[in-house]
N, C-alpha and C. Protein backbone atom coordinates (compact mmCIF):
# COMPACT_ATOMS: atom_id res chain seq x y z
N UNK A 1 -45.73 -2.29 6.44
CA UNK A 1 -44.47 -2.92 6.09
C UNK A 1 -43.36 -1.89 6.29
N UNK A 2 -42.37 -2.23 7.08
CA UNK A 2 -41.25 -1.33 7.32
C UNK A 2 -40.45 -1.16 6.04
N UNK A 3 -39.81 0.00 5.90
CA UNK A 3 -39.09 0.30 4.67
C UNK A 3 -37.95 -0.67 4.38
N UNK A 4 -37.33 -1.21 5.42
CA UNK A 4 -36.20 -2.10 5.17
C UNK A 4 -36.64 -3.53 4.90
N UNK A 5 -37.93 -3.80 4.96
CA UNK A 5 -38.44 -5.14 4.67
C UNK A 5 -38.52 -5.35 3.16
N UNK A 6 -38.26 -6.57 2.74
CA UNK A 6 -38.34 -6.93 1.32
C UNK A 6 -39.55 -7.85 1.15
N UNK A 7 -40.59 -7.39 0.41
CA UNK A 7 -41.74 -8.26 0.20
C UNK A 7 -41.36 -9.42 -0.72
N UNK A 8 -41.88 -10.59 -0.37
CA UNK A 8 -41.54 -11.81 -1.10
C UNK A 8 -42.72 -12.76 -1.00
N UNK A 9 -43.05 -13.41 -2.10
CA UNK A 9 -44.11 -14.40 -2.06
C UNK A 9 -43.57 -15.69 -1.43
N UNK A 10 -44.47 -16.58 -1.06
CA UNK A 10 -44.07 -17.88 -0.52
C UNK A 10 -43.22 -18.62 -1.55
N UNK A 11 -43.64 -18.56 -2.81
CA UNK A 11 -42.90 -19.22 -3.90
C UNK A 11 -41.51 -18.60 -4.06
N UNK A 12 -41.43 -17.28 -3.98
CA UNK A 12 -40.14 -16.60 -4.09
C UNK A 12 -39.19 -17.02 -2.99
N UNK A 13 -39.71 -17.17 -1.78
CA UNK A 13 -38.88 -17.61 -0.65
C UNK A 13 -38.39 -19.04 -0.89
N UNK A 14 -39.28 -19.89 -1.39
CA UNK A 14 -38.91 -21.28 -1.65
C UNK A 14 -37.78 -21.35 -2.69
N UNK A 15 -37.88 -20.54 -3.74
CA UNK A 15 -36.85 -20.55 -4.78
C UNK A 15 -35.50 -20.07 -4.25
N UNK A 16 -35.52 -19.04 -3.40
CA UNK A 16 -34.27 -18.57 -2.80
C UNK A 16 -33.68 -19.61 -1.85
N UNK A 17 -34.55 -20.30 -1.11
CA UNK A 17 -34.07 -21.37 -0.22
C UNK A 17 -33.39 -22.48 -1.03
N UNK A 18 -33.99 -22.83 -2.17
CA UNK A 18 -33.39 -23.86 -3.04
C UNK A 18 -32.03 -23.41 -3.56
N UNK A 19 -31.94 -22.15 -3.99
CA UNK A 19 -30.68 -21.63 -4.49
C UNK A 19 -29.61 -21.65 -3.39
N UNK A 20 -29.99 -21.23 -2.18
CA UNK A 20 -29.05 -21.22 -1.06
C UNK A 20 -28.56 -22.62 -0.73
N UNK A 21 -29.48 -23.57 -0.70
CA UNK A 21 -29.13 -24.97 -0.42
C UNK A 21 -28.16 -25.49 -1.48
N UNK A 22 -28.41 -25.17 -2.75
CA UNK A 22 -27.55 -25.61 -3.85
C UNK A 22 -26.16 -24.98 -3.71
N UNK A 23 -26.11 -23.71 -3.40
CA UNK A 23 -24.81 -23.03 -3.25
C UNK A 23 -24.00 -23.65 -2.12
N UNK A 24 -24.65 -23.90 -0.98
CA UNK A 24 -23.94 -24.42 0.20
C UNK A 24 -23.53 -25.88 0.02
N UNK A 25 -24.43 -26.71 -0.50
CA UNK A 25 -24.19 -28.15 -0.54
C UNK A 25 -23.58 -28.68 -1.85
N UNK A 26 -23.65 -27.89 -2.92
CA UNK A 26 -23.12 -28.36 -4.21
C UNK A 26 -21.97 -27.45 -4.70
N UNK A 27 -22.27 -26.17 -4.86
CA UNK A 27 -21.28 -25.26 -5.45
C UNK A 27 -20.08 -25.02 -4.53
N UNK A 28 -20.34 -24.79 -3.24
CA UNK A 28 -19.24 -24.52 -2.31
C UNK A 28 -18.27 -25.70 -2.25
N UNK A 29 -18.74 -26.94 -2.05
CA UNK A 29 -17.80 -28.07 -2.03
C UNK A 29 -17.04 -28.23 -3.35
N UNK A 30 -17.71 -27.97 -4.50
CA UNK A 30 -17.04 -28.08 -5.79
C UNK A 30 -15.89 -27.09 -5.90
N UNK A 31 -16.13 -25.86 -5.49
CA UNK A 31 -15.08 -24.85 -5.62
C UNK A 31 -13.95 -25.09 -4.64
N UNK A 32 -14.26 -25.61 -3.46
CA UNK A 32 -13.21 -25.95 -2.49
C UNK A 32 -12.32 -27.05 -3.06
N UNK A 33 -12.94 -28.05 -3.70
CA UNK A 33 -12.17 -29.12 -4.33
C UNK A 33 -11.31 -28.58 -5.46
N UNK A 34 -11.83 -27.65 -6.23
CA UNK A 34 -11.07 -27.06 -7.34
C UNK A 34 -9.88 -26.26 -6.82
N UNK A 35 -10.07 -25.55 -5.70
CA UNK A 35 -8.97 -24.79 -5.10
C UNK A 35 -7.89 -25.75 -4.59
N UNK A 36 -8.31 -26.82 -3.92
CA UNK A 36 -7.35 -27.80 -3.40
C UNK A 36 -6.56 -28.44 -4.54
N UNK A 37 -7.24 -28.77 -5.63
CA UNK A 37 -6.56 -29.36 -6.77
C UNK A 37 -5.55 -28.38 -7.37
N UNK A 38 -5.97 -27.13 -7.54
CA UNK A 38 -5.09 -26.12 -8.11
C UNK A 38 -3.86 -25.89 -7.22
N UNK A 39 -4.08 -25.93 -5.90
CA UNK A 39 -2.95 -25.78 -4.96
C UNK A 39 -1.95 -26.91 -5.12
N UNK A 40 -2.47 -28.11 -5.40
CA UNK A 40 -1.59 -29.28 -5.52
C UNK A 40 -0.67 -29.19 -6.73
N UNK A 41 -1.01 -28.29 -7.66
CA UNK A 41 -0.20 -28.14 -8.86
C UNK A 41 1.04 -27.27 -8.63
N UNK A 42 1.12 -26.65 -7.47
CA UNK A 42 2.32 -25.87 -7.16
C UNK A 42 2.12 -24.38 -7.28
N UNK A 43 3.08 -23.70 -7.89
CA UNK A 43 3.16 -22.24 -7.99
C UNK A 43 1.80 -21.58 -8.25
N UNK A 44 1.27 -20.89 -7.22
CA UNK A 44 -0.05 -20.28 -7.32
C UNK A 44 -0.02 -18.95 -8.08
N UNK A 45 1.14 -18.32 -8.17
CA UNK A 45 1.21 -17.00 -8.80
C UNK A 45 0.89 -17.04 -10.29
N UNK A 46 1.13 -18.15 -10.95
CA UNK A 46 0.84 -18.26 -12.38
C UNK A 46 -0.18 -19.36 -12.67
N UNK A 47 -1.02 -19.65 -11.68
CA UNK A 47 -1.97 -20.75 -11.81
C UNK A 47 -3.36 -20.18 -12.12
N UNK A 48 -3.76 -20.26 -13.38
CA UNK A 48 -5.05 -19.73 -13.81
C UNK A 48 -6.22 -20.50 -13.18
N UNK A 49 -6.07 -21.80 -12.99
CA UNK A 49 -7.14 -22.59 -12.36
C UNK A 49 -7.39 -22.10 -10.94
N UNK A 50 -6.31 -21.84 -10.23
CA UNK A 50 -6.43 -21.35 -8.84
C UNK A 50 -7.14 -19.99 -8.82
N UNK A 51 -6.71 -19.08 -9.69
CA UNK A 51 -7.32 -17.74 -9.74
C UNK A 51 -8.80 -17.83 -10.08
N UNK A 52 -9.15 -18.66 -11.04
CA UNK A 52 -10.55 -18.81 -11.44
C UNK A 52 -11.38 -19.41 -10.30
N UNK A 53 -10.83 -20.41 -9.62
CA UNK A 53 -11.56 -21.05 -8.52
C UNK A 53 -11.75 -20.06 -7.37
N UNK A 54 -10.72 -19.26 -7.06
CA UNK A 54 -10.84 -18.28 -5.99
C UNK A 54 -11.89 -17.21 -6.34
N UNK A 55 -11.92 -16.81 -7.61
CA UNK A 55 -12.91 -15.84 -8.06
C UNK A 55 -14.32 -16.42 -7.93
N UNK A 56 -14.47 -17.66 -8.34
CA UNK A 56 -15.77 -18.35 -8.23
C UNK A 56 -16.17 -18.47 -6.77
N UNK A 57 -15.21 -18.79 -5.91
CA UNK A 57 -15.49 -18.90 -4.47
C UNK A 57 -16.00 -17.56 -3.93
N UNK A 58 -15.39 -16.48 -4.34
CA UNK A 58 -15.82 -15.15 -3.90
C UNK A 58 -17.25 -14.86 -4.33
N UNK A 59 -17.58 -15.24 -5.56
CA UNK A 59 -18.94 -15.05 -6.05
C UNK A 59 -19.93 -15.87 -5.23
N UNK A 60 -19.63 -17.14 -5.00
CA UNK A 60 -20.53 -18.03 -4.25
C UNK A 60 -20.75 -17.51 -2.83
N UNK A 61 -19.66 -17.16 -2.15
CA UNK A 61 -19.78 -16.68 -0.77
C UNK A 61 -20.56 -15.36 -0.72
N UNK A 62 -20.34 -14.51 -1.72
CA UNK A 62 -21.08 -13.25 -1.78
C UNK A 62 -22.56 -13.47 -1.98
N UNK A 63 -22.90 -14.42 -2.86
CA UNK A 63 -24.31 -14.71 -3.12
C UNK A 63 -24.97 -15.34 -1.89
N UNK A 64 -24.25 -16.20 -1.17
CA UNK A 64 -24.78 -16.79 0.06
C UNK A 64 -25.10 -15.68 1.07
N UNK A 65 -24.19 -14.74 1.22
CA UNK A 65 -24.42 -13.62 2.14
C UNK A 65 -25.60 -12.77 1.68
N UNK A 66 -25.68 -12.53 0.39
CA UNK A 66 -26.78 -11.73 -0.16
C UNK A 66 -28.13 -12.39 0.13
N UNK A 67 -28.23 -13.69 -0.12
CA UNK A 67 -29.49 -14.41 0.13
C UNK A 67 -29.83 -14.39 1.61
N UNK A 68 -28.85 -14.65 2.47
CA UNK A 68 -29.10 -14.61 3.92
C UNK A 68 -29.57 -13.23 4.36
N UNK A 69 -29.02 -12.18 3.76
CA UNK A 69 -29.45 -10.82 4.07
C UNK A 69 -30.89 -10.58 3.65
N UNK A 70 -31.26 -11.14 2.51
CA UNK A 70 -32.64 -11.00 2.03
C UNK A 70 -33.61 -11.72 2.97
N UNK A 71 -33.20 -12.91 3.43
CA UNK A 71 -34.06 -13.63 4.37
C UNK A 71 -34.23 -12.84 5.66
N UNK A 72 -33.17 -12.18 6.11
CA UNK A 72 -33.23 -11.41 7.35
C UNK A 72 -34.21 -10.24 7.22
N UNK A 73 -34.36 -9.70 6.00
CA UNK A 73 -35.25 -8.55 5.79
C UNK A 73 -36.56 -8.94 5.11
N UNK A 74 -36.76 -10.22 4.84
CA UNK A 74 -37.93 -10.66 4.08
C UNK A 74 -39.22 -10.53 4.87
N UNK A 75 -40.22 -10.11 4.15
CA UNK A 75 -41.58 -10.18 4.66
C UNK A 75 -42.32 -11.09 3.69
N UNK A 76 -42.47 -12.35 4.09
CA UNK A 76 -43.09 -13.35 3.22
C UNK A 76 -44.60 -13.18 3.29
N UNK A 77 -45.19 -13.03 2.11
CA UNK A 77 -46.62 -12.77 2.02
C UNK A 77 -47.28 -13.92 1.26
N UNK A 78 -48.24 -14.56 1.93
CA UNK A 78 -49.00 -15.63 1.31
C UNK A 78 -50.15 -14.98 0.54
N UNK A 79 -49.98 -14.86 -0.77
CA UNK A 79 -50.95 -14.13 -1.58
C UNK A 79 -52.30 -14.82 -1.69
N UNK A 80 -52.36 -16.11 -1.34
CA UNK A 80 -53.64 -16.82 -1.43
C UNK A 80 -54.61 -16.35 -0.34
N UNK A 81 -54.12 -15.65 0.68
CA UNK A 81 -54.98 -15.17 1.77
C UNK A 81 -55.42 -13.72 1.60
N UNK A 82 -54.98 -13.08 0.52
CA UNK A 82 -55.31 -11.67 0.32
C UNK A 82 -56.72 -11.56 -0.24
N UNK A 83 -57.50 -10.70 0.37
CA UNK A 83 -58.86 -10.41 -0.09
C UNK A 83 -58.94 -8.90 -0.24
N UNK A 84 -58.85 -8.43 -1.49
CA UNK A 84 -58.88 -7.00 -1.72
C UNK A 84 -59.46 -6.73 -3.09
N UNK A 85 -60.17 -5.62 -3.22
CA UNK A 85 -60.65 -5.22 -4.54
C UNK A 85 -59.68 -4.24 -5.18
N UNK A 86 -58.57 -3.98 -4.49
CA UNK A 86 -57.53 -3.10 -5.02
C UNK A 86 -56.28 -3.91 -5.35
N UNK A 87 -55.45 -3.36 -6.21
CA UNK A 87 -54.19 -4.00 -6.56
C UNK A 87 -53.21 -3.79 -5.42
N UNK A 88 -52.70 -4.90 -4.88
CA UNK A 88 -51.65 -4.87 -3.87
C UNK A 88 -50.61 -5.93 -4.26
N UNK A 89 -49.53 -5.98 -3.50
CA UNK A 89 -48.49 -6.97 -3.75
C UNK A 89 -49.12 -8.36 -3.86
N UNK A 90 -48.71 -9.11 -4.87
CA UNK A 90 -49.22 -10.47 -5.07
C UNK A 90 -50.39 -10.57 -6.02
N UNK A 91 -50.94 -9.43 -6.44
CA UNK A 91 -52.09 -9.45 -7.33
C UNK A 91 -51.69 -9.89 -8.73
N UNK A 92 -52.60 -10.61 -9.38
CA UNK A 92 -52.48 -10.88 -10.80
C UNK A 92 -53.48 -9.94 -11.46
N UNK A 93 -52.96 -9.03 -12.28
CA UNK A 93 -53.76 -7.95 -12.82
C UNK A 93 -53.84 -8.07 -14.34
N UNK A 94 -55.07 -8.10 -14.84
CA UNK A 94 -55.28 -8.05 -16.28
C UNK A 94 -55.52 -6.60 -16.64
N UNK A 95 -54.75 -6.11 -17.61
CA UNK A 95 -54.88 -4.73 -18.05
C UNK A 95 -55.04 -4.70 -19.57
N UNK A 96 -55.56 -3.58 -20.05
CA UNK A 96 -55.71 -3.40 -21.50
C UNK A 96 -55.02 -2.11 -21.89
N UNK A 97 -54.16 -2.20 -22.90
CA UNK A 97 -53.48 -1.03 -23.43
C UNK A 97 -54.53 -0.18 -24.15
N UNK A 98 -54.70 1.07 -23.71
CA UNK A 98 -55.75 1.91 -24.29
C UNK A 98 -55.45 2.34 -25.71
N UNK A 99 -54.18 2.31 -26.11
CA UNK A 99 -53.84 2.71 -27.48
C UNK A 99 -54.00 1.55 -28.46
N UNK A 100 -53.49 0.37 -28.09
CA UNK A 100 -53.51 -0.77 -29.02
C UNK A 100 -54.66 -1.75 -28.77
N UNK A 101 -55.26 -1.68 -27.57
CA UNK A 101 -56.30 -2.64 -27.23
C UNK A 101 -55.75 -3.98 -26.79
N UNK A 102 -54.43 -4.10 -26.73
CA UNK A 102 -53.78 -5.36 -26.35
C UNK A 102 -54.06 -5.68 -24.88
N UNK A 103 -54.45 -6.92 -24.62
CA UNK A 103 -54.68 -7.39 -23.25
C UNK A 103 -53.38 -7.97 -22.70
N UNK A 104 -53.03 -7.60 -21.48
CA UNK A 104 -51.83 -8.07 -20.81
C UNK A 104 -52.19 -8.51 -19.40
N UNK A 105 -51.47 -9.50 -18.89
CA UNK A 105 -51.69 -9.94 -17.52
C UNK A 105 -50.35 -10.06 -16.83
N UNK A 106 -50.25 -9.45 -15.65
CA UNK A 106 -49.01 -9.49 -14.87
C UNK A 106 -49.32 -9.82 -13.41
N UNK A 107 -48.38 -10.51 -12.79
CA UNK A 107 -48.45 -10.75 -11.35
C UNK A 107 -47.37 -9.90 -10.70
N UNK A 108 -47.75 -9.18 -9.64
CA UNK A 108 -46.80 -8.31 -8.94
C UNK A 108 -46.12 -9.12 -7.84
N UNK A 109 -44.80 -9.26 -7.97
CA UNK A 109 -44.02 -10.12 -7.07
C UNK A 109 -42.83 -9.35 -6.50
N UNK A 110 -42.06 -10.01 -5.66
CA UNK A 110 -40.84 -9.43 -5.12
C UNK A 110 -39.82 -9.21 -6.22
N UNK A 111 -38.90 -8.30 -5.97
CA UNK A 111 -37.91 -7.93 -6.98
C UNK A 111 -37.13 -9.14 -7.48
N UNK A 112 -36.73 -10.05 -6.58
CA UNK A 112 -35.96 -11.23 -6.98
C UNK A 112 -36.77 -12.23 -7.80
N UNK A 113 -38.07 -12.14 -7.72
CA UNK A 113 -38.94 -13.09 -8.41
C UNK A 113 -39.34 -12.60 -9.80
N UNK A 114 -39.10 -11.33 -10.09
CA UNK A 114 -39.54 -10.74 -11.35
C UNK A 114 -38.97 -11.50 -12.53
N UNK A 115 -39.84 -11.78 -13.50
CA UNK A 115 -39.44 -12.49 -14.72
C UNK A 115 -40.47 -12.14 -15.79
N UNK A 116 -40.13 -11.17 -16.61
CA UNK A 116 -41.08 -10.68 -17.60
C UNK A 116 -41.55 -11.77 -18.54
N UNK A 117 -40.70 -12.78 -18.80
CA UNK A 117 -41.10 -13.89 -19.67
C UNK A 117 -42.23 -14.70 -19.06
N UNK A 118 -42.34 -14.67 -17.73
CA UNK A 118 -43.41 -15.38 -17.04
C UNK A 118 -44.49 -14.41 -16.58
N UNK A 119 -44.46 -13.18 -17.10
CA UNK A 119 -45.42 -12.13 -16.75
C UNK A 119 -45.41 -11.80 -15.26
N UNK A 120 -44.24 -11.86 -14.65
CA UNK A 120 -44.08 -11.49 -13.24
C UNK A 120 -43.26 -10.21 -13.19
N UNK A 121 -43.85 -9.14 -12.63
CA UNK A 121 -43.14 -7.87 -12.55
C UNK A 121 -42.83 -7.55 -11.09
N UNK A 122 -41.66 -6.97 -10.89
CA UNK A 122 -41.23 -6.60 -9.55
C UNK A 122 -42.06 -5.46 -9.00
N UNK A 123 -42.29 -5.51 -7.70
CA UNK A 123 -43.13 -4.53 -7.01
C UNK A 123 -42.59 -3.11 -7.17
N UNK A 124 -41.31 -2.95 -7.46
CA UNK A 124 -40.73 -1.61 -7.61
C UNK A 124 -40.70 -1.13 -9.06
N UNK A 125 -41.17 -1.94 -9.99
CA UNK A 125 -41.16 -1.53 -11.41
C UNK A 125 -42.16 -0.39 -11.62
N UNK A 126 -41.93 0.44 -12.65
CA UNK A 126 -42.86 1.55 -12.91
C UNK A 126 -44.31 1.08 -13.09
N UNK A 127 -44.51 -0.02 -13.81
CA UNK A 127 -45.87 -0.51 -14.02
C UNK A 127 -46.51 -0.95 -12.71
N UNK A 128 -45.78 -1.74 -11.91
CA UNK A 128 -46.34 -2.21 -10.64
C UNK A 128 -46.66 -1.03 -9.72
N UNK A 129 -45.76 -0.07 -9.64
CA UNK A 129 -46.00 1.09 -8.77
C UNK A 129 -47.23 1.86 -9.23
N UNK A 130 -47.46 1.92 -10.54
CA UNK A 130 -48.63 2.62 -11.07
C UNK A 130 -49.92 1.85 -10.80
N UNK A 131 -49.83 0.53 -10.75
CA UNK A 131 -51.02 -0.31 -10.54
C UNK A 131 -51.44 -0.39 -9.08
N UNK A 132 -50.49 -0.32 -8.15
CA UNK A 132 -50.79 -0.47 -6.72
C UNK A 132 -51.88 0.53 -6.32
N UNK A 133 -52.90 0.00 -5.65
CA UNK A 133 -53.99 0.84 -5.16
C UNK A 133 -55.14 1.03 -6.13
N UNK A 134 -54.99 0.58 -7.36
CA UNK A 134 -56.05 0.75 -8.36
C UNK A 134 -57.10 -0.35 -8.22
N UNK A 135 -58.30 -0.05 -8.76
CA UNK A 135 -59.41 -1.01 -8.77
C UNK A 135 -59.77 -1.33 -10.22
N UNK A 136 -60.61 -2.36 -10.39
CA UNK A 136 -61.10 -2.70 -11.73
C UNK A 136 -61.78 -1.47 -12.33
N UNK A 137 -61.48 -1.21 -13.61
CA UNK A 137 -62.06 -0.08 -14.30
C UNK A 137 -61.23 1.19 -14.22
N UNK A 138 -60.26 1.24 -13.29
CA UNK A 138 -59.41 2.44 -13.15
C UNK A 138 -58.46 2.56 -14.33
N UNK A 139 -58.19 3.81 -14.69
CA UNK A 139 -57.20 4.07 -15.71
C UNK A 139 -55.85 4.24 -15.04
N UNK A 140 -54.80 3.77 -15.72
CA UNK A 140 -53.45 3.80 -15.18
C UNK A 140 -52.53 4.43 -16.21
N UNK A 141 -51.76 5.42 -15.76
CA UNK A 141 -50.77 6.05 -16.63
C UNK A 141 -49.39 5.64 -16.12
N UNK A 142 -48.57 5.10 -17.02
CA UNK A 142 -47.23 4.63 -16.66
C UNK A 142 -46.21 5.41 -17.45
N UNK A 143 -45.25 5.99 -16.75
CA UNK A 143 -44.14 6.65 -17.42
C UNK A 143 -43.05 5.59 -17.56
N UNK A 144 -42.85 5.14 -18.78
CA UNK A 144 -41.88 4.07 -19.07
C UNK A 144 -40.77 4.63 -19.94
N UNK A 145 -39.68 3.88 -20.07
CA UNK A 145 -38.58 4.36 -20.92
C UNK A 145 -39.03 4.71 -22.34
N UNK A 146 -40.03 3.99 -22.86
CA UNK A 146 -40.46 4.29 -24.24
C UNK A 146 -41.58 5.34 -24.29
N UNK A 147 -41.85 5.98 -23.15
CA UNK A 147 -42.85 7.05 -23.14
C UNK A 147 -44.01 6.76 -22.21
N UNK A 148 -45.06 7.57 -22.35
CA UNK A 148 -46.23 7.43 -21.49
C UNK A 148 -47.16 6.36 -22.04
N UNK A 149 -47.53 5.41 -21.18
CA UNK A 149 -48.42 4.31 -21.57
C UNK A 149 -49.70 4.42 -20.76
N UNK A 150 -50.83 4.12 -21.38
CA UNK A 150 -52.12 4.21 -20.71
C UNK A 150 -52.82 2.86 -20.75
N UNK A 151 -53.26 2.42 -19.58
CA UNK A 151 -53.93 1.13 -19.44
C UNK A 151 -55.23 1.31 -18.66
N UNK A 152 -56.09 0.31 -18.77
CA UNK A 152 -57.29 0.20 -17.94
C UNK A 152 -57.18 -1.13 -17.20
N UNK A 153 -57.47 -1.13 -15.89
CA UNK A 153 -57.46 -2.35 -15.11
C UNK A 153 -58.72 -3.13 -15.44
N UNK A 154 -58.55 -4.34 -15.99
CA UNK A 154 -59.69 -5.17 -16.40
C UNK A 154 -60.13 -6.07 -15.25
N UNK A 155 -59.15 -6.73 -14.61
CA UNK A 155 -59.51 -7.62 -13.48
C UNK A 155 -58.32 -7.75 -12.54
N UNK A 156 -58.65 -8.12 -11.30
CA UNK A 156 -57.65 -8.32 -10.25
C UNK A 156 -57.98 -9.64 -9.56
N UNK A 157 -56.98 -10.49 -9.41
CA UNK A 157 -57.23 -11.72 -8.65
C UNK A 157 -56.00 -12.08 -7.82
N UNK A 158 -56.24 -12.87 -6.80
CA UNK A 158 -55.18 -13.33 -5.91
C UNK A 158 -55.24 -14.85 -5.84
N UNK A 159 -54.07 -15.49 -5.93
CA UNK A 159 -54.06 -16.96 -5.85
C UNK A 159 -52.86 -17.45 -5.10
């Protein structure tokens, strides 16, 4: 994988495509209408609606460009085809905290897909970087903001 490529799951690509479609077909027309309405009110120099709509337009256009840039650099990986006994991008890894005995399960996904509430961690996170290349039974040391954490890889699966 080239350094400028952004790894992304099939699901992550689908979600970005949905966001892009929504921005182009729903948000952009709404903000254009808001700008036209604000213009119809006259003096733009003291028109808060116009300023807010222009600011929103800038955000929408920036996000559209950002998503298109990600697609240009995306390397979409279908994790259901991965066959590995090591942790790689797309793996769902069950680990056990060696200090507390707590069992945790995380899926390693693209940075845009990361959502700790859904147990999805970005491939560039300290935990994911520590897990990459490990096998079941391997010990993993993670340097995290709250200190050094020690885990054991319990299982690895791909779906």
